PDB file of N, CA and C in Angstrom:
ATOM      1  N   MET A   1      16.633 188.697 -39.305  1.00  0.00           N
ATOM      2  CA  MET A   1      15.251 188.408 -39.611  1.00  0.00           C
ATOM      3  C   MET A   1      14.783 189.328 -40.734  1.00  0.00           C
ATOM      4  N   ALA A   2      13.773 188.872 -41.456  1.00  0.00           N
ATOM      5  CA  ALA A   2      13.262 189.649 -42.584  1.00  0.00           C
ATOM      6  C   ALA A   2      12.565 190.916 -42.089  1.00  0.00           C
ATOM      7  N   ASN A   3      12.725 191.980 -42.859  1.00  0.00           N
ATOM      8  CA  ASN A   3      12.171 193.270 -42.449  1.00  0.00           C
ATOM      9  C   ASN A   3      10.830 193.573 -43.090  1.00  0.00           C
ATOM     10  N   THR A   4      10.643 193.165 -44.332  1.00  0.00           N
ATOM     11  CA  THR A   4       9.404 193.508 -45.032  1.00  0.00           C
ATOM     12  C   THR A   4       8.494 192.289 -45.112  1.00  0.00           C
ATOM     13  N   LYS A   5       7.228 192.562 -45.449  1.00  0.00           N
ATOM     14  CA  LYS A   5       6.261 191.468 -45.566  1.00  0.00           C
ATOM     15  C   LYS A   5       6.664 190.502 -46.666  1.00  0.00           C
ATOM     16  N   SER A   6       7.132 191.017 -47.782  1.00  0.00           N
ATOM     17  CA  SER A   6       7.508 190.153 -48.901  1.00  0.00           C
ATOM     18  C   SER A   6       8.735 189.307 -48.547  1.00  0.00           C
ATOM     19  N   ALA A   7       9.655 189.884 -47.787  1.00  0.00           N
ATOM     20  CA  ALA A   7      10.832 189.123 -47.371  1.00  0.00           C
ATOM     21  C   ALA A   7      10.440 188.016 -46.400  1.00  0.00           C
ATOM     22  N   GLN A   8       9.474 188.301 -45.521  1.00  0.00           N
ATOM     23  CA  GLN A   8       8.990 187.283 -44.589  1.00  0.00           C
ATOM     24  C   GLN A   8       8.314 186.143 -45.337  1.00  0.00           C
ATOM     25  N   LYS A   9       7.522 186.495 -46.339  1.00  0.00           N
ATOM     26  CA  LYS A   9       6.845 185.471 -47.128  1.00  0.00           C
ATOM     27  C   LYS A   9       7.872 184.637 -47.900  1.00  0.00           C
ATOM     28  N   ASN A  10       8.863 185.299 -48.483  1.00  0.00           N
ATOM     29  CA  ASN A  10       9.898 184.565 -49.207  1.00  0.00           C
ATOM     30  C   ASN A  10      10.649 183.620 -48.285  1.00  0.00           C
ATOM     31  N   HIS A  11      10.872 184.030 -47.050  1.00  0.00           N
ATOM     32  CA  HIS A  11      11.536 183.168 -46.087  1.00  0.00           C
ATOM     33  C   HIS A  11      10.688 181.937 -45.782  1.00  0.00           C
ATOM     34  N   ARG A  12       9.386 182.142 -45.587  1.00  0.00           N
ATOM     35  CA  ARG A  12       8.480 181.010 -45.345  1.00  0.00           C
ATOM     36  C   ARG A  12       8.481 180.053 -46.525  1.00  0.00           C
ATOM     37  N   LYS A  13       8.452 180.588 -47.730  1.00  0.00           N
ATOM     38  CA  LYS A  13       8.462 179.751 -48.929  1.00  0.00           C
ATOM     39  C   LYS A  13       9.764 178.955 -49.029  1.00  0.00           C
ATOM     40  N   THR A  14      10.870 179.602 -48.715  1.00  0.00           N
ATOM     41  CA  THR A  14      12.165 178.934 -48.783  1.00  0.00           C
ATOM     42  C   THR A  14      12.242 177.778 -47.794  1.00  0.00           C
ATOM     43  N   VAL A  15      11.745 177.999 -46.591  1.00  0.00           N
ATOM     44  CA  VAL A  15      11.760 176.941 -45.573  1.00  0.00           C
ATOM     45  C   VAL A  15      10.903 175.761 -46.024  1.00  0.00           C
ATOM     46  N   ALA A  16       9.724 176.039 -46.548  1.00  0.00           N
ATOM     47  CA  ALA A  16       8.826 174.972 -46.993  1.00  0.00           C
ATOM     48  C   ALA A  16       9.440 174.196 -48.152  1.00  0.00           C
ATOM     49  N   ARG A  17      10.025 174.899 -49.112  1.00  0.00           N
ATOM     50  CA  ARG A  17      10.639 174.238 -50.266  1.00  0.00           C
ATOM     51  C   ARG A  17      11.848 173.421 -49.856  1.00  0.00           C
ATOM     52  N   THR A  18      12.620 173.932 -48.907  1.00  0.00           N
ATOM     53  CA  THR A  18      13.809 173.206 -48.445  1.00  0.00           C
ATOM     54  C   THR A  18      13.408 171.883 -47.813  1.00  0.00           C
ATOM     55  N   LEU A  19      12.378 171.901 -46.980  1.00  0.00           N
ATOM     56  CA  LEU A  19      11.910 170.667 -46.348  1.00  0.00           C
ATOM     57  C   LEU A  19      11.396 169.675 -47.390  1.00  0.00           C
ATOM     58  N   ARG A  20      10.643 170.176 -48.353  1.00  0.00           N
ATOM     59  CA  ARG A  20      10.089 169.308 -49.392  1.00  0.00           C
ATOM     60  C   ARG A  20      11.212 168.697 -50.233  1.00  0.00           C
ATOM     61  N   ASN A  21      12.181 169.520 -50.627  1.00  0.00           N
ATOM     62  CA  ASN A  21      13.285 169.018 -51.443  1.00  0.00           C
ATOM     63  C   ASN A  21      14.146 168.035 -50.676  1.00  0.00           C
ATOM     64  N   ARG A  22      14.350 168.294 -49.383  1.00  0.00           N
ATOM     65  CA  ARG A  22      15.178 167.399 -48.576  1.00  0.00           C
ATOM     66  C   ARG A  22      14.534 166.019 -48.482  1.00  0.00           C
ATOM     67  N   SER A  23      13.218 165.977 -48.287  1.00  0.00           N
ATOM     68  CA  SER A  23      12.557 164.681 -48.177  1.00  0.00           C
ATOM     69  C   SER A  23      12.604 163.936 -49.507  1.00  0.00           C
ATOM     70  N   ARG A  24      12.459 164.651 -50.606  1.00  0.00           N
ATOM     71  CA  ARG A  24      12.503 164.004 -51.918  1.00  0.00           C
ATOM     72  C   ARG A  24      13.896 163.476 -52.235  1.00  0.00           C
ATOM     73  N   LYS A  25      14.933 164.253 -51.899  1.00  0.00           N
ATOM     74  CA  LYS A  25      16.298 163.788 -52.143  1.00  0.00           C
ATOM     75  C   LYS A  25      16.627 162.580 -51.274  1.00  0.00           C
ATOM     76  N   THR A  26      16.150 162.593 -50.041  1.00  0.00           N
ATOM     77  CA  THR A  26      16.377 161.461 -49.145  1.00  0.00           C
ATOM     78  C   THR A  26      15.700 160.216 -49.694  1.00  0.00           C
ATOM     79  N   ARG A  27      14.496 160.375 -50.237  1.00  0.00           N
ATOM     80  CA  ARG A  27      13.785 159.240 -50.818  1.00  0.00           C
ATOM     81  C   ARG A  27      14.548 158.679 -52.010  1.00  0.00           C
ATOM     82  N   LEU A  28      15.126 159.556 -52.839  1.00  0.00           N
ATOM     83  CA  LEU A  28      15.922 159.094 -53.975  1.00  0.00           C
ATOM     84  C   LEU A  28      17.125 158.273 -53.507  1.00  0.00           C
ATOM     85  N   LYS A  29      17.791 158.760 -52.465  1.00  0.00           N
ATOM     86  CA  LYS A  29      18.958 158.039 -51.949  1.00  0.00           C
ATOM     87  C   LYS A  29      18.551 156.685 -51.388  1.00  0.00           C
ATOM     88  N   THR A  30      17.416 156.636 -50.694  1.00  0.00           N
ATOM     89  CA  THR A  30      16.927 155.385 -50.125  1.00  0.00           C
ATOM     90  C   THR A  30      16.595 154.383 -51.226  1.00  0.00           C
ATOM     91  N   LEU A  31      15.931 154.852 -52.277  1.00  0.00           N
ATOM     92  CA  LEU A  31      15.591 153.970 -53.393  1.00  0.00           C
ATOM     93  C   LEU A  31      16.840 153.460 -54.094  1.00  0.00           C
ATOM     94  N   ALA A  32      17.854 154.323 -54.227  1.00  0.00           N
ATOM     95  CA  ALA A  32      19.103 153.904 -54.864  1.00  0.00           C
ATOM     96  C   ALA A  32      19.781 152.809 -54.046  1.00  0.00           C
ATOM     97  N   LYS A  33      19.788 152.962 -52.730  1.00  0.00           N
ATOM     98  CA  LYS A  33      20.390 151.942 -51.868  1.00  0.00           C
ATOM     99  C   LYS A  33      19.623 150.629 -51.968  1.00  0.00           C
ATOM    100  N   LYS A  34      18.301 150.731 -52.061  1.00  0.00           N
ATOM    101  CA  LYS A  34      17.473 149.536 -52.175  1.00  0.00           C
ATOM    102  C   LYS A  34      17.784 148.789 -53.479  1.00  0.00           C
ATOM    103  N   VAL A  35      17.936 149.536 -54.568  1.00  0.00           N
ATOM    104  CA  VAL A  35      18.256 148.925 -55.859  1.00  0.00           C
ATOM    105  C   VAL A  35      19.623 148.245 -55.797  1.00  0.00           C
ATOM    106  N   GLN A  36      20.601 148.916 -55.204  1.00  0.00           N
ATOM    107  CA  GLN A  36      21.945 148.329 -55.116  1.00  0.00           C
ATOM    108  C   GLN A  36      21.940 147.062 -54.268  1.00  0.00           C
ATOM    109  N   ALA A  37      21.183 147.059 -53.188  1.00  0.00           N
ATOM    110  CA  ALA A  37      21.116 145.882 -52.321  1.00  0.00           C
ATOM    111  C   ALA A  37      20.466 144.714 -53.055  1.00  0.00           C
ATOM    112  N   LEU A  38      19.413 144.987 -53.815  1.00  0.00           N
ATOM    113  CA  LEU A  38      18.739 143.923 -54.561  1.00  0.00           C
ATOM    114  C   LEU A  38      19.615 143.417 -55.704  1.00  0.00           C
ATOM    115  N   ALA A  39      20.407 144.292 -56.295  1.00  0.00           N
ATOM    116  CA  ALA A  39      21.310 143.869 -57.355  1.00  0.00           C
ATOM    117  C   ALA A  39      22.380 142.937 -56.795  1.00  0.00           C
ATOM    118  N   ALA A  40      22.860 143.247 -55.597  1.00  0.00           N
ATOM    119  CA  ALA A  40      23.868 142.393 -54.963  1.00  0.00           C
ATOM    120  C   ALA A  40      23.265 141.051 -54.554  1.00  0.00           C
ATOM    121  N   ALA A  41      21.987 141.073 -54.155  1.00  0.00           N
ATOM    122  CA  ALA A  41      21.328 139.842 -53.733  1.00  0.00           C
ATOM    123  C   ALA A  41      20.969 138.962 -54.920  1.00  0.00           C
ATOM    124  N   GLY A  42      20.707 139.569 -56.068  1.00  0.00           N
ATOM    125  CA  GLY A  42      20.407 138.802 -57.265  1.00  0.00           C
ATOM    126  C   GLY A  42      18.947 138.481 -57.475  1.00  0.00           C
ATOM    127  N   ASP A  43      18.050 139.157 -56.785  1.00  0.00           N
ATOM    128  CA  ASP A  43      16.614 138.923 -56.941  1.00  0.00           C
ATOM    129  C   ASP A  43      16.109 139.754 -58.122  1.00  0.00           C
ATOM    130  N   LYS A  44      15.900 139.105 -59.269  1.00  0.00           N
ATOM    131  CA  LYS A  44      15.586 139.819 -60.511  1.00  0.00           C
ATOM    132  C   LYS A  44      14.227 140.512 -60.488  1.00  0.00           C
ATOM    133  N   GLU A  45      13.198 139.837 -59.996  1.00  0.00           N
ATOM    134  CA  GLU A  45      11.854 140.426 -60.007  1.00  0.00           C
ATOM    135  C   GLU A  45      11.770 141.629 -59.072  1.00  0.00           C
ATOM    136  N   ALA A  46      12.312 141.482 -57.881  1.00  0.00           N
ATOM    137  CA  ALA A  46      12.302 142.599 -56.930  1.00  0.00           C
ATOM    138  C   ALA A  46      13.174 143.743 -57.448  1.00  0.00           C
ATOM    139  N   LEU A  47      14.272 143.385 -58.096  1.00  0.00           N
ATOM    140  CA  LEU A  47      15.157 144.405 -58.659  1.00  0.00           C
ATOM    141  C   LEU A  47      14.440 145.188 -59.746  1.00  0.00           C
ATOM    142  N   ARG A  48      13.698 144.498 -60.604  1.00  0.00           N
ATOM    143  CA  ARG A  48      12.967 145.178 -61.675  1.00  0.00           C
ATOM    144  C   ARG A  48      11.937 146.154 -61.095  1.00  0.00           C
ATOM    145  N   ALA A  49      11.209 145.737 -60.077  1.00  0.00           N
ATOM    146  CA  ALA A  49      10.206 146.599 -59.464  1.00  0.00           C
ATOM    147  C   ALA A  49      10.857 147.806 -58.781  1.00  0.00           C
ATOM    148  N   ALA A  50      11.941 147.563 -58.065  1.00  0.00           N
ATOM    149  CA  ALA A  50      12.624 148.659 -57.371  1.00  0.00           C
ATOM    150  C   ALA A  50      13.254 149.626 -58.363  1.00  0.00           C
ATOM    151  N   ALA A  51      13.814 149.091 -59.446  1.00  0.00           N
ATOM    152  CA  ALA A  51      14.434 149.952 -60.452  1.00  0.00           C
ATOM    153  C   ALA A  51      13.383 150.821 -61.135  1.00  0.00           C
ATOM    154  N   ASN A  52      12.219 150.250 -61.428  1.00  0.00           N
ATOM    155  CA  ASN A  52      11.151 151.045 -62.037  1.00  0.00           C
ATOM    156  C   ASN A  52      10.685 152.156 -61.108  1.00  0.00           C
ATOM    157  N   GLU A  53      10.597 151.859 -59.825  1.00  0.00           N
ATOM    158  CA  GLU A  53      10.200 152.870 -58.843  1.00  0.00           C
ATOM    159  C   GLU A  53      11.252 153.980 -58.759  1.00  0.00           C
ATOM    160  N   TYR A  54      12.522 153.582 -58.777  1.00  0.00           N
ATOM    161  CA  TYR A  54      13.622 154.551 -58.709  1.00  0.00           C
ATOM    162  C   TYR A  54      13.648 155.422 -59.960  1.00  0.00           C
ATOM    163  N   ILE A  55      13.460 154.824 -61.122  1.00  0.00           N
ATOM    164  CA  ILE A  55      13.462 155.583 -62.373  1.00  0.00           C
ATOM    165  C   ILE A  55      12.317 156.588 -62.379  1.00  0.00           C
ATOM    166  N   SER A  56      11.153 156.164 -61.910  1.00  0.00           N
ATOM    167  CA  SER A  56      10.002 157.053 -61.856  1.00  0.00           C
ATOM    168  C   SER A  56      10.260 158.239 -60.923  1.00  0.00           C
ATOM    169  N   ALA A  57      10.820 157.959 -59.764  1.00  0.00           N
ATOM    170  CA  ALA A  57      11.121 159.030 -58.805  1.00  0.00           C
ATOM    171  C   ALA A  57      12.181 159.976 -59.360  1.00  0.00           C
ATOM    172  N   MET A  58      13.161 159.423 -60.076  1.00  0.00           N
ATOM    173  CA  MET A  58      14.217 160.248 -60.659  1.00  0.00           C
ATOM    174  C   MET A  58      13.650 161.142 -61.761  1.00  0.00           C
ATOM    175  N   ASP A  59      12.724 160.610 -62.558  1.00  0.00           N
ATOM    176  CA  ASP A  59      12.079 161.429 -63.593  1.00  0.00           C
ATOM    177  C   ASP A  59      11.306 162.588 -62.986  1.00  0.00           C
ATOM    178  N   ARG A  60      10.573 162.311 -61.909  1.00  0.00           N
ATOM    179  CA  ARG A  60       9.825 163.382 -61.254  1.00  0.00           C
ATOM    180  C   ARG A  60      10.765 164.426 -60.663  1.00  0.00           C
ATOM    181  N   ALA A  61      11.888 163.983 -60.112  1.00  0.00           N
ATOM    182  CA  ALA A  61      12.847 164.931 -59.542  1.00  0.00           C
ATOM    183  C   ALA A  61      13.493 165.775 -60.638  1.00  0.00           C
ATOM    184  N   ALA A  62      13.745 165.175 -61.783  1.00  0.00           N
ATOM    185  CA  ALA A  62      14.344 165.928 -62.888  1.00  0.00           C
ATOM    186  C   ALA A  62      13.344 166.922 -63.468  1.00  0.00           C
ATOM    187  N   LYS A  63      12.070 166.543 -63.472  1.00  0.00           N
ATOM    188  CA  LYS A  63      11.037 167.414 -64.021  1.00  0.00           C
ATOM    189  C   LYS A  63      10.932 168.710 -63.223  1.00  0.00           C
ATOM    190  N   THR A  64      11.153 168.633 -61.918  1.00  0.00           N
ATOM    191  CA  THR A  64      11.069 169.824 -61.065  1.00  0.00           C
ATOM    192  C   THR A  64      12.429 170.432 -60.784  1.00  0.00           C
ATOM    193  N   ASN A  65      13.464 170.012 -61.529  1.00  0.00           N
ATOM    194  CA  ASN A  65      14.833 170.529 -61.399  1.00  0.00           C
ATOM    195  C   ASN A  65      15.441 170.262 -60.028  1.00  0.00           C
ATOM    196  N   LEU A  66      14.973 169.216 -59.364  1.00  0.00           N
ATOM    197  CA  LEU A  66      15.600 168.827 -58.098  1.00  0.00           C
ATOM    198  C   LEU A  66      16.951 168.186 -58.378  1.00  0.00           C
ATOM    199  N   VAL A  67      17.019 167.404 -59.445  1.00  0.00           N
ATOM    200  CA  VAL A  67      18.287 166.889 -59.950  1.00  0.00           C
ATOM    201  C   VAL A  67      18.394 167.290 -61.410  1.00  0.00           C
ATOM    202  N   HIS A  68      19.603 167.362 -61.908  1.00  0.00           N
ATOM    203  CA  HIS A  68      19.822 167.743 -63.297  1.00  0.00           C
ATOM    204  C   HIS A  68      19.308 166.647 -64.219  1.00  0.00           C
ATOM    205  N   SER A  69      18.788 167.047 -65.363  1.00  0.00           N
ATOM    206  CA  SER A  69      18.206 166.072 -66.280  1.00  0.00           C
ATOM    207  C   SER A  69      19.245 165.083 -66.795  1.00  0.00           C
ATOM    208  N   ASN A  70      20.493 165.534 -66.965  1.00  0.00           N
ATOM    209  CA  ASN A  70      21.548 164.617 -67.410  1.00  0.00           C
ATOM    210  C   ASN A  70      21.839 163.555 -66.356  1.00  0.00           C
ATOM    211  N   LYS A  71      21.776 163.925 -65.090  1.00  0.00           N
ATOM    212  CA  LYS A  71      21.989 162.950 -64.018  1.00  0.00           C
ATOM    213  C   LYS A  71      20.865 161.918 -64.031  1.00  0.00           C
ATOM    214  N   ALA A  72      19.644 162.375 -64.244  1.00  0.00           N
ATOM    215  CA  ALA A  72      18.518 161.448 -64.307  1.00  0.00           C
ATOM    216  C   ALA A  72      18.693 160.480 -65.469  1.00  0.00           C
ATOM    217  N   ASN A  73      19.127 160.997 -66.616  1.00  0.00           N
ATOM    218  CA  ASN A  73      19.337 160.136 -67.776  1.00  0.00           C
ATOM    219  C   ASN A  73      20.466 159.140 -67.530  1.00  0.00           C
ATOM    220  N   ARG A  74      21.515 159.580 -66.862  1.00  0.00           N
ATOM    221  CA  ARG A  74      22.639 158.678 -66.532  1.00  0.00           C
ATOM    222  C   ARG A  74      22.179 157.553 -65.632  1.00  0.00           C
ATOM    223  N   THR A  75      21.409 157.876 -64.614  1.00  0.00           N
ATOM    224  CA  THR A  75      20.963 156.846 -63.682  1.00  0.00           C
ATOM    225  C   THR A  75      19.994 155.887 -64.351  1.00  0.00           C
ATOM    226  N   LYS A  76      19.145 156.398 -65.249  1.00  0.00           N
ATOM    227  CA  LYS A  76      18.226 155.526 -65.968  1.00  0.00           C
ATOM    228  C   LYS A  76      18.990 154.578 -66.874  1.00  0.00           C
ATOM    229  N   ALA A  77      20.051 155.062 -67.493  1.00  0.00           N
ATOM    230  CA  ALA A  77      20.863 154.206 -68.359  1.00  0.00           C
ATOM    231  C   ALA A  77      21.569 153.123 -67.531  1.00  0.00           C
ATOM    232  N   SER A  78      22.059 153.507 -66.369  1.00  0.00           N
ATOM    233  CA  SER A  78      22.732 152.499 -65.526  1.00  0.00           C
ATOM    234  C   SER A  78      21.751 151.481 -64.996  1.00  0.00           C
ATOM    235  N   MET A  79      20.511 151.897 -64.735  1.00  0.00           N
ATOM    236  CA  MET A  79      19.479 150.937 -64.319  1.00  0.00           C
ATOM    237  C   MET A  79      19.157 149.968 -65.446  1.00  0.00           C
ATOM    238  N   ALA A  80      19.131 150.480 -66.678  1.00  0.00           N
ATOM    239  CA  ALA A  80      18.858 149.611 -67.827  1.00  0.00           C
ATOM    240  C   ALA A  80      19.968 148.571 -67.987  1.00  0.00           C
ATOM    241  N   LYS A  81      21.219 148.990 -67.796  1.00  0.00           N
ATOM    242  CA  LYS A  81      22.350 148.058 -67.866  1.00  0.00           C
ATOM    243  C   LYS A  81      22.244 147.010 -66.756  1.00  0.00           C
ATOM    244  N   LEU A  82      21.870 147.458 -65.584  1.00  0.00           N
ATOM    245  CA  LEU A  82      21.756 146.565 -64.446  1.00  0.00           C
ATOM    246  C   LEU A  82      20.656 145.520 -64.668  1.00  0.00           C
ATOM    247  N   LEU A  83      19.551 145.957 -65.254  1.00  0.00           N
ATOM    248  CA  LEU A  83      18.448 145.037 -65.505  1.00  0.00           C
ATOM    249  C   LEU A  83      18.761 144.088 -66.660  1.00  0.00           C
ATOM    250  N   ALA A  84      19.559 144.540 -67.616  1.00  0.00           N
ATOM    251  CA  ALA A  84      19.887 143.703 -68.765  1.00  0.00           C
ATOM    252  C   ALA A  84      20.909 142.611 -68.403  1.00  0.00           C
ATOM    253  N   ALA A  85      21.704 142.873 -67.392  1.00  0.00           N
ATOM    254  CA  ALA A  85      22.768 141.927 -67.021  1.00  0.00           C
ATOM    255  C   ALA A  85      22.225 140.721 -66.278  1.00  0.00           C
TER     256      ALA A  85
END
């Protein structure tokens, strides 16, 4: 357990950030699965809406360094290919 006040506060901050990051990463994975399912189903309008939502969430995650910016750019490029096909 933490010994000093600052260490206790840092521990609280770490726990809060971990929970927040975990929920955001889980949401990204859920959106990715939704996009893949719609791509397999072939519903273009729903796919476009889901892809836009996924791209937006990925941009926000990259902005806060939750995911690397190159990964966000890669996924956005693959979404563009998927929508163009």
